[in-house]
Amino acid sequence: MGFLDEIPGHRRPFPPPAEKQVGVGVVGLHEGRTLLIGLERCSRARAVAGCDLDPAKLEASRKERPDLFYTSDLNQLLARPEVEVVAIYTPDAEHGEHIVRAFEAGKDVICTKPLVSSMADAAAVLAAGRRTGRRLLVGQSTRFFEPFQRQRAAFERGDLGRLELADAHYMHRMDWYYRKSPWAARDTDWAFLGLSHPIDLVRWYLGSVEEVHAFGLCSHLGQDFGLQGVDIYTVNLRAVDGRLGRVLGHYGLEELPSARNAIELMLYGSRGSSQAQYHDMRYRYTAADGSEICEDSLYALRHWHFNSEVHGMHYGEFANYTEAFATALLEGKPCSPSLEEGVESFCVMEAVRRSAKEGGPISVSPLLEEVGLKGDS
């Protein structure tokens, strides 16, 4: 079974609305438009409002979801009582301000990755969350993609034994992204952009990271777009308990998708190994007798995850994490990755950035202390 119940070989049905639903207001209607559509897959969450500064994006969303409230003023969205959760898909540098404003307006928050892109914002959102008591889920979509959910369930059952090494990568050519979002070349670092996916996946399994050692290089593509940092990363990580992780990212490459999926996670345990893939929906693992099993749910679940596009947008993952967060809010249960986990992962990303820039390993603990987190999340 996957993250949600499924009928093997058939399209996963959209569930009927639950008696109690959480109202979601989406801020940033480029990627956030995907959530507005994806919320139709949810039982315990519903779209109620959208916000964007671009009139064209507002109009496009209004045509698709005419029943919602739309505004270009974030304060108007925050003032609406039916907006119980604010889902933030604005440019990375604006996340910190928008999260704090939502918390102070009494709203819980979903924020797309990366949670923040500066130490100051990490400290500010953590302090605001503690001050207001509001909750946050980091929208780490890969965790909520079917193969990674199946892999996680097997890990929690103990199928792999003791996990000894986690190896994750995200490799994707990003010239299209620079054209769409020029700030990505100018104002941030790929440690916070694409590399946030594999870093989060490795932290999901290893827990708190004590030390990282990273190397970085700027690709020819990155140079062509005037990239201020690097877009090729290799990273070794050591967890507090001594277990090891490895992360690889390349955002200027010529892709070879049949050989290396955009995102992959390999887990190596004392009793078995497993691999989850994205964009493809393959999950491979070693069976008890040592044979290799491959599960491919693309045919059954492509409508849920991709609107029947082979490799489309993140409809299913966004719906899955919103449903999980809404359920946690309604039932008073934890949901991961939380605010504290997101801040800790950011500190690992910052350590990666510093290590690649300065040379040599970087300890994560001083960064956690600087933002007000002791590393016990």
Protein backbone atom coordinates (compact mmCIF):
# COMPACT_ATOMS: atom_id res chain seq x y z
CA MET A 1 0.00 0.00 0.00
CA GLY A 2 1.15 3.50 -0.70
CA PHE A 3 0.63 6.80 1.10
CA LEU A 4 -3.10 6.56 0.42
CA ASP A 5 -5.20 3.48 -0.22
CA GLU A 6 -5.14 2.40 -3.84
CA ILE A 7 -6.87 -0.01 -6.19
CA PRO A 8 -4.04 -1.78 -8.06
CA GLY A 9 -4.28 -1.31 -11.80
CA HIS A 10 -6.93 1.40 -11.56
CA ARG A 11 -6.92 5.17 -11.26
CA ARG A 12 -6.82 6.19 -7.60
CA PRO A 13 -10.24 7.73 -6.90
CA PHE A 14 -10.48 11.23 -5.48
CA PRO A 15 -11.90 10.89 -1.95
CA PRO A 16 -15.18 12.53 -0.90
CA PRO A 17 -14.89 15.56 1.40
CA ALA A 18 -14.62 14.79 5.08
CA GLU A 19 -17.11 16.24 7.54
CA LYS A 20 -14.46 18.64 8.83
CA GLN A 21 -12.03 20.29 6.41
CA VAL A 22 -9.19 22.77 6.81
CA GLY A 23 -9.36 25.86 4.58
CA VAL A 24 -6.17 26.57 2.61
CA GLY A 25 -5.14 29.90 1.12
CA VAL A 26 -2.34 29.70 -1.45
CA VAL A 27 0.21 32.51 -1.80
CA GLY A 28 2.22 32.49 -5.04
CA LEU A 29 0.20 31.13 -7.95
CA HIS A 30 2.93 29.85 -10.22
CA GLU A 31 3.87 26.66 -8.42
CA GLY A 32 1.04 27.28 -5.98
CA ARG A 33 -1.47 26.87 -8.81
CA THR A 34 -0.54 23.18 -8.73
CA LEU A 35 -1.76 22.96 -5.15
CA LEU A 36 -5.04 24.72 -5.98
CA ILE A 37 -5.71 21.95 -8.50
CA GLY A 38 -4.22 19.20 -6.34
CA LEU A 39 -6.47 20.05 -3.40
CA GLU A 40 -9.34 18.48 -5.34
CA ARG A 41 -7.66 15.18 -4.37
CA CYS A 42 -7.90 15.92 -0.64
CA SER A 43 -10.58 14.85 1.78
CA ARG A 44 -9.62 16.92 4.82
CA ALA A 45 -8.36 20.11 3.15
CA ARG A 46 -10.00 22.48 0.67
CA ALA A 47 -8.89 25.50 -1.32
CA VAL A 48 -10.52 28.76 -0.25
CA ALA A 49 -8.27 31.59 -1.53
CA GLY A 50 -5.36 32.51 -3.78
CA CYS A 51 -2.94 35.44 -3.72
CA ASP A 52 -0.38 36.71 -6.24
CA LEU A 53 1.06 40.06 -7.33
CA ASP A 54 0.75 39.12 -11.01
CA PRO A 55 -2.73 39.86 -12.44
CA ALA A 56 -2.19 37.26 -15.18
CA LYS A 57 -1.62 34.50 -12.64
CA LEU A 58 -4.68 35.58 -10.67
CA GLU A 59 -6.80 35.50 -13.81
CA ALA A 60 -5.49 32.10 -14.90
CA SER A 61 -6.27 30.62 -11.49
CA ARG A 62 -9.68 32.30 -11.42
CA LYS A 63 -10.59 30.59 -14.69
CA GLU A 64 -9.65 27.18 -13.25
CA ARG A 65 -11.09 27.68 -9.77
CA PRO A 66 -13.72 30.46 -10.05
CA ASP A 67 -15.26 29.60 -6.68
CA LEU A 68 -12.30 30.95 -4.65
CA PHE A 69 -11.43 34.36 -3.23
CA TYR A 70 -8.51 36.04 -5.04
CA THR A 71 -6.40 39.03 -4.10
CA SER A 72 -3.02 40.64 -4.74
CA ASP A 73 -2.85 41.79 -1.10
CA LEU A 74 -1.48 39.24 1.37
CA ASN A 75 -3.07 41.12 4.27
CA GLN A 76 -6.51 40.58 2.73
CA LEU A 77 -5.90 36.84 2.49
CA LEU A 78 -4.59 36.67 6.06
CA ALA A 79 -7.67 38.54 7.35
CA ARG A 80 -10.12 35.94 6.03
CA PRO A 81 -11.32 33.55 8.78
CA GLU A 82 -11.89 30.65 6.35
CA VAL A 83 -8.13 30.65 5.62
CA GLU A 84 -6.82 28.39 8.36
CA VAL A 85 -3.61 27.28 6.61
CA VAL A 86 -1.47 29.54 4.43
CA ALA A 87 0.46 27.67 1.74
CA ILE A 88 3.49 29.69 0.63
CA TYR A 89 5.01 29.32 -2.86
CA THR A 90 6.66 32.73 -3.21
CA PRO A 91 10.35 33.30 -4.15
CA ASP A 92 12.69 31.81 -1.55
CA ALA A 93 13.97 35.11 -0.16
CA GLU A 94 10.38 36.10 0.75
CA HIS A 95 9.54 32.93 2.70
CA GLY A 96 10.77 34.20 6.06
CA GLU A 97 8.66 37.37 5.99
CA HIS A 98 5.56 35.58 4.72
CA ILE A 99 5.81 32.78 7.30
CA VAL A 100 6.16 35.25 10.19
CA ARG A 101 3.20 37.30 8.93
CA ALA A 102 1.05 34.19 8.63
CA PHE A 103 2.00 32.98 12.13
CA GLU A 104 1.22 36.39 13.62
CA ALA A 105 -2.16 36.37 11.86
CA GLY A 106 -2.99 33.13 13.68
CA LYS A 107 -2.52 30.84 10.70
CA ASP A 108 -0.72 27.53 10.39
CA VAL A 109 1.62 27.28 7.41
CA ILE A 110 2.76 25.03 4.61
CA CYS A 111 5.91 26.40 2.99
CA THR A 112 7.53 24.94 -0.09
CA LYS A 113 11.19 24.02 0.08
CA PRO A 114 13.55 25.52 0.98
CA LEU A 115 11.95 26.78 4.16
CA VAL A 116 14.28 29.81 4.21
CA SER A 117 17.55 30.83 2.56
CA SER A 118 19.30 32.86 5.28
CA MET A 119 20.36 32.36 8.88
CA ALA A 120 18.46 35.48 9.92
CA ASP A 121 15.22 34.16 8.45
CA ALA A 122 15.78 30.74 10.03
CA ALA A 123 16.04 32.36 13.45
CA ALA A 124 13.05 34.62 12.78
CA VAL A 125 10.63 31.88 11.70
CA LEU A 126 11.66 29.58 14.55
CA ALA A 127 11.14 32.36 17.09
CA ALA A 128 7.78 33.33 15.55
CA GLY A 129 6.57 29.75 15.59
CA ARG A 130 7.48 29.36 19.25
CA ARG A 131 6.00 32.74 20.15
CA THR A 132 2.66 32.16 18.44
CA GLY A 133 2.32 28.40 18.89
CA ARG A 134 1.41 27.98 15.22
CA ARG A 135 2.46 24.90 13.26
CA LEU A 136 4.31 24.53 9.98
CA LEU A 137 4.94 21.78 7.46
CA VAL A 138 7.82 22.07 5.01
CA GLY A 139 6.56 21.10 1.55
CA GLN A 140 9.28 18.57 0.81
CA SER A 141 7.32 16.99 -2.03
CA THR A 142 9.67 14.06 -2.70
CA ARG A 143 8.86 12.51 0.68
CA PHE A 144 5.22 12.30 -0.42
CA PHE A 145 5.82 10.72 -3.84
CA GLU A 146 4.63 7.12 -4.03
CA PRO A 147 7.96 5.23 -4.34
CA PHE A 148 9.47 7.17 -1.42
CA GLN A 149 6.39 6.45 0.69
CA ARG A 150 6.68 2.73 -0.03
CA GLN A 151 10.39 2.85 0.76
CA ARG A 152 9.71 4.62 4.05
CA ALA A 153 7.04 2.11 5.08
CA ALA A 154 9.45 -0.77 4.47
CA PHE A 155 12.14 0.98 6.49
CA GLU A 156 9.76 1.55 9.41
CA ARG A 157 8.75 -2.12 9.30
CA GLY A 158 12.41 -2.99 9.77
CA ASP A 159 12.78 -4.71 6.38
CA LEU A 160 16.25 -3.20 5.85
CA GLY A 161 17.55 -3.92 9.33
CA ARG A 162 19.87 -1.25 10.66
CA LEU A 163 20.39 1.57 8.15
CA GLU A 164 24.09 2.19 7.58
CA LEU A 165 24.29 4.49 4.54
CA ALA A 166 21.82 6.82 2.78
CA ASP A 167 22.75 8.01 -0.72
CA ALA A 168 20.58 10.61 -2.50
CA HIS A 169 20.87 12.76 -5.58
CA TYR A 170 18.92 15.34 -7.56
CA MET A 171 20.23 16.10 -11.04
CA HIS A 172 18.19 18.25 -13.40
CA ARG A 173 19.09 20.73 -16.16
CA MET A 174 17.90 24.17 -15.05
CA ASP A 175 18.24 26.62 -17.95
CA TRP A 176 14.42 26.82 -18.09
CA TYR A 177 14.39 27.74 -14.40
CA TYR A 178 16.84 30.61 -14.84
CA ARG A 179 14.67 32.00 -17.64
CA LYS A 180 11.53 31.75 -15.49
CA SER A 181 13.11 32.92 -12.22
CA PRO A 182 16.27 35.00 -12.83
CA TRP A 183 16.73 35.46 -9.08
CA ALA A 184 17.77 31.79 -8.89
CA ALA A 185 21.06 32.67 -10.62
CA ARG A 186 21.52 35.96 -8.80
CA ASP A 187 20.19 35.79 -5.24
CA THR A 188 20.50 32.28 -3.82
CA ASP A 189 22.52 29.08 -3.91
CA TRP A 190 21.75 25.61 -5.24
CA ALA A 191 22.42 24.25 -1.76
CA PHE A 192 19.02 25.76 -0.88
CA LEU A 193 17.33 25.05 -4.21
CA GLY A 194 17.67 21.63 -5.82
CA LEU A 195 20.02 20.18 -3.22
CA SER A 196 17.36 20.70 -0.56
CA HIS A 197 15.60 17.56 -1.85
CA PRO A 198 18.42 15.03 -1.33
CA ILE A 199 19.58 16.73 1.87
CA ASP A 200 16.08 16.40 3.30
CA LEU A 201 15.84 12.76 2.22
CA VAL A 202 19.15 11.86 3.87
CA ARG A 203 18.21 13.74 7.07
CA TRP A 204 14.86 11.94 7.10
CA TYR A 205 16.74 8.71 7.70
CA LEU A 206 19.93 9.74 9.50
CA GLY A 207 18.41 12.29 11.86
CA SER A 208 20.62 15.10 13.12
CA VAL A 209 23.78 15.68 11.07
CA GLU A 210 26.95 16.56 12.94
CA GLU A 211 29.35 17.35 10.09
CA VAL A 212 29.40 17.90 6.33
CA HIS A 213 32.21 18.08 3.80
CA ALA A 214 31.24 19.47 0.42
CA PHE A 215 32.86 20.32 -2.89
CA GLY A 216 31.27 22.63 -5.46
CA LEU A 217 31.80 23.65 -9.08
CA CYS A 218 30.01 26.00 -11.47
CA SER A 219 28.98 24.30 -14.72
CA HIS A 220 29.29 25.84 -18.17
CA LEU A 221 25.52 26.33 -18.16
CA GLY A 222 25.72 28.12 -14.82
CA GLN A 223 28.46 30.39 -16.15
CA ASP A 224 26.35 31.22 -19.21
CA PHE A 225 23.55 32.46 -16.92
CA GLY A 226 25.90 34.41 -14.63
CA LEU A 227 25.41 32.08 -11.65
CA GLN A 228 26.85 33.67 -8.51
CA GLY A 229 27.53 30.38 -6.73
CA VAL A 230 27.97 26.76 -7.83
CA ASP A 231 25.51 24.32 -9.38
CA ILE A 232 27.42 21.04 -9.00
CA TYR A 233 27.72 19.62 -5.48
CA THR A 234 29.17 16.47 -3.95
CA VAL A 235 28.61 16.17 -0.21
CA ASN A 236 29.56 13.69 2.51
CA LEU A 237 27.55 13.81 5.74
CA ARG A 238 28.13 12.24 9.15
CA ALA A 239 25.18 11.89 11.51
CA VAL A 240 25.40 12.47 15.25
CA ASP A 241 25.21 8.70 15.76
CA GLY A 242 28.05 8.09 13.29
CA ARG A 243 26.04 6.80 10.33
CA LEU A 244 26.93 8.16 6.91
CA GLY A 245 25.17 9.90 4.03
CA ARG A 246 26.10 11.13 0.58
CA VAL A 247 24.38 13.79 -1.53
CA LEU A 248 24.96 14.70 -5.19
CA GLY A 249 23.49 17.57 -7.19
CA HIS A 250 24.07 18.80 -10.75
CA TYR A 251 21.91 21.50 -12.35
CA GLY A 252 23.78 22.26 -15.57
CA LEU A 253 24.05 18.78 -17.05
CA GLU A 254 22.93 17.08 -20.22
CA GLU A 255 20.45 14.62 -18.77
CA LEU A 256 20.43 10.86 -19.24
CA PRO A 257 17.08 10.06 -17.59
CA SER A 258 16.93 6.37 -18.49
CA ALA A 259 20.16 5.83 -16.54
CA ARG A 260 19.79 8.32 -13.67
CA ASN A 261 16.36 9.55 -12.62
CA ALA A 262 16.15 13.18 -11.56
CA ILE A 263 15.82 12.24 -7.86
CA GLU A 264 16.88 8.93 -6.34
CA LEU A 265 17.36 7.66 -2.82
CA MET A 266 19.35 4.51 -2.05
CA LEU A 267 19.19 3.00 1.42
CA TYR A 268 21.75 0.40 2.47
CA GLY A 269 20.80 -1.60 5.55
CA SER A 270 22.18 -4.58 7.41
CA ARG A 271 19.48 -6.87 5.96
CA GLY A 272 18.64 -5.27 2.61
CA SER A 273 18.83 -2.30 0.26
CA SER A 274 16.21 -0.22 -1.53
CA GLN A 275 15.88 2.50 -4.18
CA ALA A 276 13.12 5.04 -4.82
CA GLN A 277 12.95 7.18 -7.97
CA TYR A 278 11.39 10.40 -9.26
CA HIS A 279 10.21 11.30 -12.00
CA ASP A 280 9.72 7.61 -12.65
CA MET A 281 7.64 5.79 -10.08
CA ARG A 282 9.86 2.78 -9.55
CA TYR A 283 10.63 1.33 -6.15
CA ARG A 284 13.24 -1.44 -6.03
CA TYR A 285 14.28 -3.52 -3.05
CA THR A 286 15.88 -6.77 -2.02
CA ALA A 287 13.46 -9.46 -0.88
CA ALA A 288 14.06 -11.75 2.07
CA ASP A 289 15.52 -14.42 -0.21
CA GLY A 290 17.95 -11.94 -1.76
CA SER A 291 16.10 -11.49 -5.05
CA GLU A 292 15.37 -8.03 -6.47
CA ILE A 293 11.81 -6.73 -6.66
CA CYS A 294 10.74 -3.74 -8.78
CA GLU A 295 7.36 -2.06 -8.25
CA ASP A 296 6.26 0.49 -10.85
CA SER A 297 3.06 2.36 -10.02
CA LEU A 298 3.17 4.89 -12.88
CA TYR A 299 0.31 3.30 -14.81
CA ALA A 300 -1.94 3.01 -11.76
CA LEU A 301 -1.17 6.40 -10.25
CA ARG A 302 -0.17 8.76 -13.06
CA HIS A 303 -3.52 10.56 -12.87
CA TRP A 304 -3.19 11.10 -9.13
CA HIS A 305 0.38 12.37 -9.28
CA PHE A 306 0.65 13.87 -12.78
CA ASN A 307 -2.90 14.48 -14.06
CA SER A 308 -2.08 11.66 -16.52
CA GLU A 309 0.91 13.57 -17.88
CA VAL A 310 3.86 11.19 -17.92
CA HIS A 311 6.13 13.51 -15.94
CA GLY A 312 4.00 16.52 -15.11
CA MET A 313 3.69 18.80 -12.12
CA HIS A 314 3.48 17.86 -8.45
CA TYR A 315 -0.29 17.49 -8.09
CA GLY A 316 -0.19 14.26 -6.11
CA GLU A 317 2.70 15.08 -3.82
CA PHE A 318 1.23 18.49 -2.94
CA ALA A 319 -2.15 16.91 -2.24
CA ASN A 320 -0.53 14.18 -0.14
CA TYR A 321 1.41 16.52 2.13
CA THR A 322 -1.51 18.91 2.50
CA GLU A 323 -3.81 16.04 3.45
CA ALA A 324 -1.23 14.79 5.94
CA PHE A 325 -0.90 18.25 7.51
CA ALA A 326 -4.66 18.83 7.64
CA THR A 327 -5.13 15.46 9.33
CA ALA A 328 -2.41 16.28 11.87
CA LEU A 329 -4.05 19.63 12.67
CA LEU A 330 -7.53 18.15 13.03
CA GLU A 331 -6.35 15.24 15.15
CA GLY A 332 -3.66 17.04 17.17
CA LYS A 333 -0.88 14.78 15.90
CA PRO A 334 2.67 15.53 14.73
CA CYS A 335 3.51 15.88 11.05
CA SER A 336 6.94 15.82 9.44
CA PRO A 337 8.94 17.75 8.31
CA SER A 338 7.97 20.26 10.98
CA LEU A 339 9.21 23.80 11.56
CA GLU A 340 12.07 22.59 13.75
CA GLU A 341 13.08 19.92 11.22
CA GLY A 342 12.97 22.47 8.42
CA VAL A 343 15.23 24.86 10.33
CA GLU A 344 17.65 22.05 11.13
CA SER A 345 17.74 20.97 7.47
CA PHE A 346 18.40 24.58 6.48
CA CYS A 347 21.39 24.62 8.82
CA VAL A 348 22.73 21.51 7.09
CA MET A 349 22.29 23.27 3.72
CA GLU A 350 24.12 26.32 5.02
CA ALA A 351 26.93 24.10 6.28
CA VAL A 352 27.14 22.55 2.79
CA ARG A 353 27.34 25.99 1.20
CA ARG A 354 30.08 27.13 3.58
CA SER A 355 32.06 23.92 3.22
CA ALA A 356 32.10 24.16 -0.58
CA LYS A 357 33.06 27.83 -0.44
CA GLU A 358 35.65 27.70 2.35
CA GLY A 359 37.06 24.20 1.95
CA GLY A 360 37.14 21.52 4.61
CA PRO A 361 34.43 20.04 6.83
CA ILE A 362 31.88 22.18 8.67
CA SER A 363 30.20 21.32 11.97
CA VAL A 364 26.44 21.86 12.03
CA SER A 365 26.04 22.36 15.80
CA PRO A 366 27.24 26.00 15.92
CA LEU A 367 24.73 26.90 13.20
CA LEU A 368 21.91 25.28 15.15
CA GLU A 369 22.87 27.26 18.23
CA GLU A 370 23.04 30.49 16.20
CA VAL A 371 19.43 30.20 15.02
CA GLY A 372 18.15 29.07 18.42
CA LEU A 373 17.87 25.32 17.79
CA LYS A 374 19.90 22.92 19.90
CA GLY A 375 19.74 20.04 17.40
CA ASP A 376 17.23 17.98 19.38
CA SER A 377 14.41 18.11 16.81
